[in-house]
Amino acid sequence: MAIARSSAATWSLSVIAAGVLLAGCSGSVSVGDSEPKLSKEKLGTTVAKKLAATTGQPTPDVTCPEDLVGKVGTTTRCKLTAGDGSTLGVSVTVTSVVDKQINFDIKADDTVTPAAQ
C-alpha cells in the first residue's frame, strides 16, 4: 500500500496559496519607459518579494512569460516553482496606472501541481 507524503516544499506552496488568498496581495512598480511596461524579470522578482512578505515564507522562484503592459485589466500568468519541482500558478492583473507607476493584484492558484516523478 502506497502512502502519500507531502513534501515541505509542497506544504510551503500551499501556505503561500492560502496566505495570498486570505490576505490578498498587490504590488506597485514605477517604470521609466514612455509606454508603461514592466519587464518579465522585474515582474517575477516583484511578485516573489510580495508573496514572501504576505506569507512570511522565504522568497520563492517566480518566472513570468512576458512583460506586463501598464493597461488596466491586463493579466499575465506567472509560475512559482519550489525546490522539489512542484509549481503554483500566479495571476497578475493591472488595477491602475498612475503616470508611469503600474499597480497590480496578485492571486495564487488554489492547487499546487506536484513535481513530475
N, C-alpha and C. Protein backbone atom coordinates (compact mmCIF):
# COMPACT_ATOMS: atom_id res chain seq x y z
N MET A 1 0.85 -1.18 0.00
CA MET A 1 0.00 0.00 0.00
C MET A 1 0.89 1.24 0.00
N ALA A 2 0.66 2.12 -0.95
CA ALA A 2 1.46 3.34 -1.06
C ALA A 2 0.92 4.39 -0.09
N ILE A 3 1.83 5.10 0.52
CA ILE A 3 1.45 6.16 1.45
C ILE A 3 1.85 7.49 0.82
N ALA A 4 0.89 8.38 0.66
CA ALA A 4 1.18 9.69 0.08
C ALA A 4 1.85 10.56 1.12
N ARG A 5 2.91 11.23 0.71
CA ARG A 5 3.61 12.15 1.62
C ARG A 5 3.60 13.53 1.00
N SER A 6 3.48 14.50 1.83
CA SER A 6 3.53 15.89 1.38
C SER A 6 4.91 16.44 1.71
N SER A 7 5.61 16.90 0.70
CA SER A 7 6.94 17.45 0.94
C SER A 7 6.83 18.82 1.58
N ALA A 8 7.92 19.26 2.18
CA ALA A 8 7.94 20.59 2.81
C ALA A 8 7.71 21.67 1.77
N ALA A 9 8.26 21.47 0.56
CA ALA A 9 8.09 22.48 -0.49
C ALA A 9 6.64 22.58 -0.91
N THR A 10 5.96 21.43 -1.07
CA THR A 10 4.55 21.46 -1.44
C THR A 10 3.74 22.12 -0.35
N TRP A 11 4.07 21.81 0.91
CA TRP A 11 3.38 22.43 2.02
C TRP A 11 3.59 23.94 1.99
N SER A 12 4.81 24.37 1.71
CA SER A 12 5.11 25.81 1.64
C SER A 12 4.30 26.48 0.54
N LEU A 13 4.18 25.81 -0.62
CA LEU A 13 3.39 26.37 -1.70
C LEU A 13 1.93 26.47 -1.30
N SER A 14 1.45 25.48 -0.56
CA SER A 14 0.07 25.53 -0.09
C SER A 14 -0.13 26.69 0.88
N VAL A 15 0.85 26.93 1.74
CA VAL A 15 0.80 28.05 2.67
C VAL A 15 0.79 29.36 1.90
N ILE A 16 1.62 29.45 0.87
CA ILE A 16 1.65 30.67 0.04
C ILE A 16 0.30 30.90 -0.60
N ALA A 17 -0.27 29.85 -1.20
CA ALA A 17 -1.57 29.99 -1.86
C ALA A 17 -2.63 30.44 -0.87
N ALA A 18 -2.67 29.80 0.29
CA ALA A 18 -3.67 30.16 1.29
C ALA A 18 -3.44 31.58 1.80
N GLY A 19 -2.19 31.94 2.05
CA GLY A 19 -1.88 33.27 2.56
C GLY A 19 -2.26 34.36 1.58
N VAL A 20 -1.99 34.13 0.31
CA VAL A 20 -2.31 35.14 -0.71
C VAL A 20 -3.81 35.25 -0.86
N LEU A 21 -4.51 34.13 -0.81
CA LEU A 21 -5.96 34.18 -0.96
C LEU A 21 -6.62 34.86 0.22
N LEU A 22 -6.12 34.61 1.42
CA LEU A 22 -6.72 35.20 2.61
C LEU A 22 -6.36 36.67 2.78
N ALA A 23 -5.10 36.99 2.57
CA ALA A 23 -4.63 38.34 2.84
C ALA A 23 -4.75 39.25 1.63
N GLY A 24 -4.82 38.68 0.44
CA GLY A 24 -4.77 39.48 -0.76
C GLY A 24 -3.36 40.01 -0.93
N CYS A 25 -3.02 40.34 -2.13
CA CYS A 25 -1.66 40.79 -2.36
C CYS A 25 -1.69 41.71 -3.56
N SER A 26 -0.97 42.79 -3.47
CA SER A 26 -0.89 43.68 -4.60
C SER A 26 0.50 44.27 -4.65
N GLY A 27 0.84 44.79 -5.80
CA GLY A 27 2.15 45.38 -5.97
C GLY A 27 2.05 46.68 -6.74
N SER A 28 3.14 47.39 -6.76
CA SER A 28 3.20 48.65 -7.46
C SER A 28 4.65 48.88 -7.87
N VAL A 29 4.85 49.23 -9.13
CA VAL A 29 6.21 49.43 -9.62
C VAL A 29 6.21 50.63 -10.56
N SER A 30 7.19 51.50 -10.38
CA SER A 30 7.37 52.63 -11.30
C SER A 30 8.29 52.19 -12.43
N VAL A 31 7.96 52.59 -13.64
CA VAL A 31 8.77 52.24 -14.81
C VAL A 31 9.18 53.50 -15.53
N GLY A 32 10.28 53.43 -16.27
CA GLY A 32 10.83 54.63 -16.86
C GLY A 32 10.57 54.81 -18.35
N ASP A 33 9.95 53.86 -19.01
CA ASP A 33 9.73 53.96 -20.45
C ASP A 33 8.58 54.92 -20.75
N SER A 34 8.49 55.33 -22.03
CA SER A 34 7.39 56.19 -22.44
C SER A 34 6.07 55.42 -22.36
N GLU A 35 6.09 54.13 -22.68
CA GLU A 35 4.91 53.28 -22.51
C GLU A 35 5.11 52.48 -21.23
N PRO A 36 4.21 52.63 -20.27
CA PRO A 36 4.41 51.89 -19.03
C PRO A 36 4.43 50.38 -19.30
N LYS A 37 5.53 49.75 -18.96
CA LYS A 37 5.69 48.32 -19.16
C LYS A 37 6.70 47.83 -18.13
N LEU A 38 6.41 46.69 -17.54
CA LEU A 38 7.29 46.09 -16.55
C LEU A 38 7.88 44.82 -17.15
N SER A 39 9.21 44.72 -17.16
CA SER A 39 9.86 43.55 -17.76
C SER A 39 9.45 42.28 -17.02
N LYS A 40 9.46 41.17 -17.72
CA LYS A 40 9.08 39.90 -17.11
C LYS A 40 10.01 39.53 -15.96
N GLU A 41 11.28 39.92 -16.05
CA GLU A 41 12.23 39.63 -14.98
C GLU A 41 11.89 40.43 -13.71
N LYS A 42 11.64 41.73 -13.89
CA LYS A 42 11.30 42.60 -12.76
C LYS A 42 9.94 42.18 -12.17
N LEU A 43 9.01 41.80 -13.02
CA LEU A 43 7.70 41.35 -12.55
C LEU A 43 7.86 40.10 -11.69
N GLY A 44 8.64 39.12 -12.15
CA GLY A 44 8.85 37.90 -11.38
C GLY A 44 9.48 38.18 -10.02
N THR A 45 10.47 39.07 -10.00
CA THR A 45 11.14 39.44 -8.75
C THR A 45 10.17 40.14 -7.80
N THR A 46 9.39 41.06 -8.32
CA THR A 46 8.43 41.81 -7.51
C THR A 46 7.35 40.90 -6.94
N VAL A 47 6.81 40.02 -7.78
CA VAL A 47 5.78 39.09 -7.32
C VAL A 47 6.35 38.18 -6.22
N ALA A 48 7.56 37.67 -6.42
CA ALA A 48 8.19 36.79 -5.43
C ALA A 48 8.35 37.50 -4.09
N LYS A 49 8.81 38.74 -4.13
CA LYS A 49 9.00 39.50 -2.89
C LYS A 49 7.67 39.77 -2.18
N LYS A 50 6.64 40.11 -2.96
CA LYS A 50 5.32 40.38 -2.37
C LYS A 50 4.74 39.12 -1.75
N LEU A 51 4.88 37.97 -2.44
CA LEU A 51 4.38 36.71 -1.89
C LEU A 51 5.10 36.35 -0.59
N ALA A 52 6.41 36.53 -0.57
CA ALA A 52 7.19 36.23 0.64
C ALA A 52 6.76 37.14 1.79
N ALA A 53 6.57 38.42 1.52
CA ALA A 53 6.17 39.37 2.56
C ALA A 53 4.77 39.05 3.08
N THR A 54 3.88 38.65 2.19
CA THR A 54 2.50 38.37 2.59
C THR A 54 2.38 37.09 3.41
N THR A 55 3.18 36.09 3.08
CA THR A 55 3.05 34.77 3.72
C THR A 55 4.05 34.51 4.84
N GLY A 56 5.12 35.31 4.91
CA GLY A 56 6.15 35.05 5.90
C GLY A 56 7.05 33.88 5.52
N GLN A 57 6.97 33.44 4.28
CA GLN A 57 7.79 32.34 3.76
C GLN A 57 9.02 32.93 3.07
N PRO A 58 10.05 32.10 2.81
CA PRO A 58 11.21 32.58 2.05
C PRO A 58 10.78 33.02 0.65
N THR A 59 11.56 33.90 0.04
CA THR A 59 11.24 34.39 -1.30
C THR A 59 11.29 33.23 -2.29
N PRO A 60 10.18 32.96 -2.99
CA PRO A 60 10.14 31.84 -3.93
C PRO A 60 10.74 32.21 -5.29
N ASP A 61 10.90 31.20 -6.14
CA ASP A 61 11.35 31.41 -7.51
C ASP A 61 10.10 31.62 -8.37
N VAL A 62 9.94 32.81 -8.93
CA VAL A 62 8.78 33.13 -9.75
C VAL A 62 9.26 33.57 -11.13
N THR A 63 8.72 32.95 -12.17
CA THR A 63 9.03 33.34 -13.55
C THR A 63 7.74 33.76 -14.25
N CYS A 64 7.87 34.77 -15.08
CA CYS A 64 6.73 35.27 -15.84
C CYS A 64 7.07 35.19 -17.33
N PRO A 65 6.12 34.82 -18.18
CA PRO A 65 6.41 34.57 -19.58
C PRO A 65 6.53 35.82 -20.45
N GLU A 66 6.05 36.95 -19.94
CA GLU A 66 6.02 38.16 -20.77
C GLU A 66 6.07 39.40 -19.91
N ASP A 67 6.40 40.51 -20.54
CA ASP A 67 6.37 41.80 -19.86
C ASP A 67 4.92 42.14 -19.51
N LEU A 68 4.73 42.94 -18.48
CA LEU A 68 3.40 43.37 -18.09
C LEU A 68 3.18 44.79 -18.61
N VAL A 69 2.25 44.93 -19.53
CA VAL A 69 1.92 46.23 -20.11
C VAL A 69 1.02 46.98 -19.14
N GLY A 70 1.34 48.24 -18.92
CA GLY A 70 0.60 49.07 -17.98
C GLY A 70 -0.71 49.55 -18.55
N LYS A 71 -1.66 48.65 -18.68
CA LYS A 71 -3.00 48.97 -19.15
C LYS A 71 -3.98 48.26 -18.22
N VAL A 72 -4.90 49.00 -17.62
CA VAL A 72 -5.84 48.44 -16.66
C VAL A 72 -6.54 47.22 -17.27
N GLY A 73 -6.55 46.14 -16.49
CA GLY A 73 -7.19 44.90 -16.92
C GLY A 73 -6.24 43.90 -17.55
N THR A 74 -5.03 44.34 -17.92
CA THR A 74 -4.05 43.41 -18.50
C THR A 74 -3.70 42.36 -17.45
N THR A 75 -3.69 41.10 -17.88
CA THR A 75 -3.38 39.99 -16.99
C THR A 75 -2.30 39.12 -17.59
N THR A 76 -1.43 38.60 -16.75
CA THR A 76 -0.45 37.61 -17.18
C THR A 76 -0.40 36.51 -16.12
N ARG A 77 0.10 35.37 -16.52
CA ARG A 77 0.22 34.22 -15.61
C ARG A 77 1.69 33.95 -15.36
N CYS A 78 2.07 33.92 -14.11
CA CYS A 78 3.44 33.60 -13.72
C CYS A 78 3.44 32.22 -13.06
N LYS A 79 4.63 31.68 -12.85
CA LYS A 79 4.75 30.36 -12.24
C LYS A 79 5.74 30.40 -11.09
N LEU A 80 5.28 29.94 -9.94
CA LEU A 80 6.11 29.82 -8.76
C LEU A 80 6.59 28.37 -8.73
N THR A 81 7.91 28.15 -8.62
CA THR A 81 8.47 26.80 -8.60
C THR A 81 9.20 26.58 -7.28
N ALA A 82 8.86 25.48 -6.60
CA ALA A 82 9.51 25.11 -5.34
C ALA A 82 10.76 24.30 -5.63
N GLY A 83 11.57 24.13 -4.62
CA GLY A 83 12.82 23.39 -4.75
C GLY A 83 12.64 21.95 -5.19
N ASP A 84 11.47 21.35 -4.90
CA ASP A 84 11.23 19.96 -5.30
C ASP A 84 10.61 19.85 -6.69
N GLY A 85 10.43 21.00 -7.36
CA GLY A 85 9.87 21.00 -8.71
C GLY A 85 8.37 21.19 -8.77
N SER A 86 7.68 21.19 -7.64
CA SER A 86 6.24 21.45 -7.66
C SER A 86 6.02 22.92 -8.01
N THR A 87 4.87 23.20 -8.61
CA THR A 87 4.60 24.55 -9.10
C THR A 87 3.24 25.06 -8.65
N LEU A 88 3.11 26.36 -8.72
CA LEU A 88 1.86 27.03 -8.37
C LEU A 88 1.69 28.18 -9.35
N GLY A 89 0.54 28.26 -10.00
CA GLY A 89 0.26 29.35 -10.91
C GLY A 89 -0.10 30.61 -10.15
N VAL A 90 0.29 31.75 -10.70
CA VAL A 90 0.02 33.03 -10.08
C VAL A 90 -0.48 33.99 -11.17
N SER A 91 -1.64 34.59 -10.94
CA SER A 91 -2.19 35.58 -11.87
C SER A 91 -1.84 36.97 -11.40
N VAL A 92 -1.45 37.81 -12.34
CA VAL A 92 -1.12 39.21 -12.06
C VAL A 92 -2.02 40.06 -12.95
N THR A 93 -2.78 40.97 -12.34
CA THR A 93 -3.71 41.81 -13.08
C THR A 93 -3.47 43.29 -12.77
N VAL A 94 -3.31 44.09 -13.80
CA VAL A 94 -3.11 45.53 -13.63
C VAL A 94 -4.42 46.15 -13.16
N THR A 95 -4.34 46.87 -12.02
CA THR A 95 -5.53 47.51 -11.45
C THR A 95 -5.59 49.00 -11.76
N SER A 96 -4.43 49.63 -11.90
CA SER A 96 -4.40 51.05 -12.26
C SER A 96 -2.99 51.42 -12.72
N VAL A 97 -2.93 52.52 -13.44
CA VAL A 97 -1.66 53.07 -13.88
C VAL A 97 -1.72 54.57 -13.61
N VAL A 98 -0.79 55.04 -12.78
CA VAL A 98 -0.74 56.45 -12.45
C VAL A 98 0.62 56.97 -12.92
N ASP A 99 0.59 57.87 -13.90
CA ASP A 99 1.80 58.31 -14.56
C ASP A 99 2.52 57.07 -15.09
N LYS A 100 3.68 56.74 -14.54
CA LYS A 100 4.41 55.56 -15.01
C LYS A 100 4.47 54.47 -13.95
N GLN A 101 3.57 54.55 -12.97
CA GLN A 101 3.52 53.54 -11.91
C GLN A 101 2.40 52.56 -12.21
N ILE A 102 2.76 51.27 -12.32
CA ILE A 102 1.80 50.22 -12.59
C ILE A 102 1.42 49.56 -11.26
N ASN A 103 0.14 49.58 -10.95
CA ASN A 103 -0.37 48.92 -9.75
C ASN A 103 -1.07 47.64 -10.17
N PHE A 104 -0.83 46.55 -9.43
CA PHE A 104 -1.41 45.28 -9.83
C PHE A 104 -1.75 44.41 -8.64
N ASP A 105 -2.70 43.49 -8.86
CA ASP A 105 -3.07 42.50 -7.86
C ASP A 105 -2.43 41.18 -8.22
N ILE A 106 -2.13 40.39 -7.19
CA ILE A 106 -1.52 39.08 -7.36
C ILE A 106 -2.44 38.05 -6.72
N LYS A 107 -2.74 36.97 -7.45
CA LYS A 107 -3.58 35.90 -6.89
C LYS A 107 -2.97 34.57 -7.25
N ALA A 108 -2.64 33.79 -6.21
CA ALA A 108 -2.10 32.44 -6.42
C ALA A 108 -3.26 31.46 -6.65
N ASP A 109 -3.00 30.43 -7.47
CA ASP A 109 -3.99 29.38 -7.69
C ASP A 109 -4.28 28.65 -6.38
N ASP A 110 -5.39 27.94 -6.35
CA ASP A 110 -5.78 27.16 -5.18
C ASP A 110 -5.00 25.85 -5.06
N THR A 111 -4.56 25.32 -6.21
CA THR A 111 -3.97 23.98 -6.24
C THR A 111 -2.53 23.97 -6.68
N VAL A 112 -1.71 23.24 -5.95
CA VAL A 112 -0.29 23.04 -6.29
C VAL A 112 -0.19 21.88 -7.27
N THR A 113 0.67 22.04 -8.29
CA THR A 113 0.96 20.94 -9.21
C THR A 113 2.22 20.25 -8.72
N PRO A 114 2.11 18.96 -8.34
CA PRO A 114 3.29 18.25 -7.84
C PRO A 114 4.35 18.09 -8.92
N ALA A 115 5.57 17.92 -8.48
CA ALA A 115 6.69 17.69 -9.41
C ALA A 115 6.46 16.37 -10.14
N ALA A 116 6.91 16.32 -11.39
CA ALA A 116 6.83 15.07 -12.15
C ALA A 116 7.73 14.03 -11.51
N GLN A 117 7.24 12.83 -11.40
CA GLN A 117 8.02 11.74 -10.79
C GLN A 117 8.77 10.96 -11.82
